[in-house]
Amino acid sequence: MTIDVQGVIQALSRAVEVSPTDNEENLYPVITISRDFGTGGEEISKMLAERLGLEIFDETIIDAIAQRSEVNKNVLKNLHEKVSSASDAWLYAMVTGKNVSRDEYVNALITVIRCIYHKGGIVIGRGGHVVLQGRDVLRVRLTGSREACAKRVAHRERLSLSEAKRKCADTNKARAAFVWNMFNSRLNDPTNFDMTINTDHFGHYEQVVEILLRSMEMMGYNRRRTGTTNR
């Protein structure tokens, strides 16, 4: 029994449906955020979403696919993060009990992200910067030094510095592997992004948000879209 990919796509399309009266001038902005672990990506995304009045799409993407396909959310999320190649398609079937191919999953994910483009929002990770390449989207990469990121993670999760460094390295490796194996794109290639920001020396994440808002204005990503005024 295969996952009903078309059912997944239709469900997500309804969830992000644009009203028939809407046109390009009424679409909200779209930002994709790729982040190293410990750079403040989630916090920055939340602040940016609040300022722009946008939704954040991260777990939401996984939730919607899992709900429609009747696959446990945590299992699917684990597969999403750890699948390494087309040869690992058997892992999907083994864990979910269904004949789930890698290509089916990737195609569903791509369609979901493209649906979000028509609604507007902030896409965290998931290779959104690759899927929406060439569109009027601001593609942001947040990075940082090993020490600075590990210190943040150690403080937040009450880990030793060595444990935090290991967790950062493992998480970053998994994220890079996912993007490479799903989209054949290198996560550390700066040409895949419109902006790359090292968050090491920003005392407050609000400062990064201000840079992003100003950059959107200067780069023209909000000229065709409403909803980009500060709130």
Protein backbone atom coordinates (compact mmCIF):
# COMPACT_ATOMS: atom_id res chain seq x y z
CA MET A 1 0.00 0.00 0.00
CA THR A 2 1.56 3.29 -1.09
CA ILE A 3 1.12 6.70 0.45
CA ASP A 4 -1.65 8.68 -1.24
CA VAL A 5 0.66 11.40 -2.51
CA GLN A 6 -2.07 13.13 -4.48
CA GLY A 7 -4.24 13.14 -1.36
CA VAL A 8 -1.41 14.75 0.56
CA ILE A 9 -0.96 17.38 -2.13
CA GLN A 10 -4.67 18.15 -2.27
CA ALA A 11 -4.90 18.47 1.51
CA LEU A 12 -1.98 20.88 1.63
CA SER A 13 -3.27 22.79 -1.35
CA ARG A 14 -6.54 23.38 0.48
CA ALA A 15 -4.67 24.44 3.60
CA VAL A 16 -2.70 27.08 1.71
CA GLU A 17 -5.34 27.89 -0.89
CA VAL A 18 -5.30 31.38 -2.37
CA SER A 19 -8.70 33.00 -2.72
CA PRO A 20 -9.92 33.32 -6.33
CA THR A 21 -10.06 37.07 -5.80
CA ASP A 22 -6.39 37.17 -4.89
CA ASN A 23 -3.71 37.95 -7.39
CA GLU A 24 0.03 38.40 -7.29
CA GLU A 25 -0.29 41.86 -5.76
CA ASN A 26 -2.06 40.35 -2.74
CA LEU A 27 0.37 37.54 -2.05
CA TYR A 28 2.36 37.70 1.16
CA PRO A 29 6.16 37.53 1.24
CA VAL A 30 8.05 34.28 1.44
CA ILE A 31 11.33 33.77 3.29
CA THR A 32 13.27 30.53 3.48
CA ILE A 33 15.62 30.14 6.41
CA SER A 34 18.40 27.57 6.47
CA ARG A 35 20.28 27.52 9.75
CA ASP A 36 23.15 25.87 11.52
CA PHE A 37 22.20 24.43 14.89
CA GLY A 38 22.65 27.01 17.61
CA THR A 39 22.44 30.11 15.42
CA GLY A 40 19.06 31.22 16.75
CA GLY A 41 17.17 30.25 13.62
CA GLU A 42 13.93 29.34 15.33
CA GLU A 43 13.91 32.46 17.51
CA ILE A 44 14.73 34.73 14.58
CA SER A 45 12.04 33.08 12.47
CA LYS A 46 9.41 33.65 15.16
CA MET A 47 10.32 37.32 15.53
CA LEU A 48 10.34 37.83 11.78
CA ALA A 49 7.00 36.08 11.40
CA GLU A 50 5.48 38.31 14.06
CA ARG A 51 6.78 41.47 12.42
CA LEU A 52 5.50 40.44 8.99
CA GLY A 53 2.30 38.76 10.11
CA LEU A 54 3.32 35.46 8.52
CA GLU A 55 3.02 31.81 9.43
CA ILE A 56 6.01 29.58 10.05
CA PHE A 57 6.19 26.26 8.23
CA ASP A 58 8.47 23.63 9.73
CA GLU A 59 6.73 20.95 11.79
CA THR A 60 3.53 21.96 9.98
CA ILE A 61 4.83 20.42 6.77
CA ILE A 62 5.59 17.12 8.46
CA ASP A 63 2.31 17.17 10.39
CA ALA A 64 0.24 17.58 7.25
CA ILE A 65 1.99 14.83 5.31
CA ALA A 66 1.89 12.47 8.29
CA GLN A 67 -1.79 13.14 8.99
CA ARG A 68 -2.88 12.53 5.42
CA SER A 69 -0.73 9.44 4.94
CA GLU A 70 -1.60 8.03 8.38
CA VAL A 71 2.09 7.66 9.18
CA ASN A 72 3.17 8.53 12.69
CA LYS A 73 4.51 12.10 12.79
CA ASN A 74 7.60 11.31 14.81
CA VAL A 75 8.50 8.35 12.63
CA LEU A 76 8.16 10.38 9.44
CA LYS A 77 10.12 13.27 10.92
CA ASN A 78 12.91 10.88 11.88
CA LEU A 79 13.00 9.48 8.37
CA HIS A 80 12.92 12.98 6.90
CA GLU A 81 16.02 13.96 8.84
CA LYS A 82 18.01 10.76 8.50
CA VAL A 83 17.33 9.26 5.09
CA SER A 84 20.62 9.20 3.23
CA SER A 85 19.98 8.02 -0.32
CA ALA A 86 17.59 6.43 -2.75
CA SER A 87 18.81 3.06 -1.53
CA ASP A 88 17.27 3.86 1.85
CA ALA A 89 13.75 3.74 0.45
CA TRP A 90 13.43 0.33 2.10
CA LEU A 91 13.72 2.12 5.46
CA TYR A 92 10.47 3.92 4.84
CA ALA A 93 8.67 0.67 4.18
CA MET A 94 10.26 -1.10 7.13
CA VAL A 95 9.38 1.56 9.70
CA THR A 96 6.00 2.68 8.38
CA GLY A 97 4.79 -0.68 7.15
CA LYS A 98 4.01 0.91 3.80
CA ASN A 99 5.69 0.94 0.43
CA VAL A 100 6.89 4.54 0.58
CA SER A 101 9.41 5.56 -2.02
CA ARG A 102 11.88 8.36 -1.60
CA ASP A 103 10.72 9.97 -4.84
CA GLU A 104 7.10 10.01 -3.69
CA TYR A 105 8.08 11.70 -0.47
CA VAL A 106 10.30 14.28 -2.15
CA ASN A 107 7.65 15.09 -4.74
CA ALA A 108 5.06 15.61 -2.02
CA LEU A 109 7.43 17.82 -0.04
CA ILE A 110 8.25 19.94 -3.10
CA THR A 111 4.58 20.42 -3.87
CA VAL A 112 3.83 21.42 -0.29
CA ILE A 113 6.57 24.05 -0.31
CA ARG A 114 5.36 25.41 -3.65
CA CYS A 115 1.85 25.66 -2.21
CA ILE A 116 3.26 27.68 0.68
CA TYR A 117 4.81 30.04 -1.86
CA HIS A 118 1.33 31.02 -3.04
CA LYS A 119 0.15 31.62 0.50
CA GLY A 120 3.20 33.34 1.94
CA GLY A 121 5.16 32.41 5.01
CA ILE A 122 8.52 31.48 6.46
CA VAL A 123 9.86 28.06 5.52
CA ILE A 124 12.46 26.77 7.96
CA GLY A 125 14.79 24.16 6.53
CA ARG A 126 13.32 21.33 4.46
CA GLY A 127 15.36 22.46 1.45
CA GLY A 128 12.95 25.31 0.85
CA HIS A 129 15.72 27.50 -0.57
CA VAL A 130 16.32 24.90 -3.29
CA VAL A 131 12.67 24.30 -4.13
CA LEU A 132 11.91 28.02 -4.44
CA GLN A 133 15.07 29.03 -6.26
CA GLY A 134 14.41 31.62 -8.95
CA ARG A 135 11.19 32.92 -7.41
CA ASP A 136 10.59 36.22 -5.61
CA VAL A 137 11.70 34.74 -2.32
CA LEU A 138 14.34 35.86 0.17
CA ARG A 139 16.61 32.88 0.85
CA VAL A 140 18.53 33.29 4.10
CA ARG A 141 21.33 31.23 5.56
CA LEU A 142 22.15 31.64 9.28
CA THR A 143 25.55 30.40 10.34
CA GLY A 144 27.97 30.74 13.24
CA SER A 145 31.23 29.53 14.70
CA ARG A 146 31.43 26.17 16.41
CA GLU A 147 32.18 27.78 19.78
CA ALA A 148 29.40 30.37 19.72
CA CYS A 149 26.75 27.92 18.59
CA ALA A 150 27.81 25.30 21.12
CA LYS A 151 27.69 27.83 23.96
CA ARG A 152 24.12 28.75 23.09
CA VAL A 153 23.06 25.12 22.89
CA ALA A 154 24.86 24.23 26.13
CA HIS A 155 23.10 27.05 27.96
CA ARG A 156 19.68 26.33 26.47
CA GLU A 157 19.76 22.55 26.91
CA ARG A 158 21.95 22.40 30.01
CA LEU A 159 24.67 20.39 28.35
CA SER A 160 28.41 20.44 28.77
CA LEU A 161 30.27 22.37 26.11
CA SER A 162 31.71 19.18 24.64
CA GLU A 163 28.23 17.61 24.48
CA ALA A 164 26.83 20.73 22.84
CA LYS A 165 29.62 20.77 20.25
CA ARG A 166 28.92 17.17 19.40
CA LYS A 167 25.19 17.81 19.10
CA CYS A 168 25.78 20.83 16.86
CA ALA A 169 28.12 18.86 14.62
CA ASP A 170 25.76 15.89 14.35
CA THR A 171 22.72 18.06 13.63
CA ASN A 172 24.50 20.14 11.01
CA LYS A 173 25.83 17.02 9.34
CA ALA A 174 22.34 15.50 9.17
CA ARG A 175 20.84 18.68 7.73
CA ALA A 176 23.53 18.98 5.08
CA ALA A 177 23.15 15.31 4.16
CA PHE A 178 19.40 15.70 3.79
CA VAL A 179 19.68 18.64 1.38
CA TRP A 180 22.37 16.89 -0.64
CA ASN A 181 20.58 13.57 -0.90
CA MET A 182 17.12 15.00 -1.51
CA PHE A 183 18.07 17.85 -3.85
CA ASN A 184 21.72 17.26 -4.81
CA SER A 185 22.59 20.69 -3.41
CA ARG A 186 25.32 21.64 -0.95
CA LEU A 187 24.09 23.46 2.14
CA ASN A 188 27.33 25.38 2.57
CA ASP A 189 27.30 26.85 -0.94
CA PRO A 190 26.75 30.62 -0.46
CA THR A 191 25.51 31.02 -4.03
CA ASN A 192 22.35 29.13 -3.05
CA PHE A 193 21.28 32.00 -0.79
CA ASP A 194 20.52 35.69 -1.13
CA MET A 195 21.97 36.44 2.30
CA THR A 196 24.26 34.66 4.71
CA ILE A 197 24.47 36.05 8.25
CA ASN A 198 26.92 35.00 10.95
CA THR A 199 24.98 35.48 14.20
CA ASP A 200 28.02 35.18 16.49
CA HIS A 201 28.36 38.84 17.39
CA PHE A 202 24.75 39.96 17.50
CA GLY A 203 23.77 40.65 21.09
CA HIS A 204 20.06 40.34 20.31
CA TYR A 205 18.26 38.40 17.63
CA GLU A 206 16.08 41.45 16.99
CA GLN A 207 19.11 42.99 15.30
CA VAL A 208 19.20 40.17 12.77
CA VAL A 209 15.46 40.59 12.16
CA GLU A 210 15.97 44.29 11.44
CA ILE A 211 18.68 43.45 8.91
CA LEU A 212 16.38 41.00 7.17
CA LEU A 213 13.47 43.43 7.06
CA ARG A 214 15.65 46.21 5.67
CA SER A 215 17.22 43.84 3.15
CA MET A 216 13.81 42.72 1.91
CA GLU A 217 12.92 46.33 1.28
CA MET A 218 16.17 47.16 -0.52
CA MET A 219 16.22 43.96 -2.57
CA GLY A 220 12.64 44.41 -3.72
CA TYR A 221 11.21 41.17 -2.37
CA ASN A 222 8.14 42.98 -1.07
CA ARG A 223 7.28 45.08 -4.12
CA ARG A 224 4.73 42.62 -5.46
CA ARG A 225 3.51 41.47 -2.09
CA THR A 226 1.57 43.07 0.71
CA GLY A 227 1.91 42.35 4.41
CA THR A 228 5.52 43.45 4.66
CA THR A 229 5.04 46.43 6.92
CA ASN A 230 6.39 46.17 10.45
CA ARG A 231 3.82 45.24 13.04
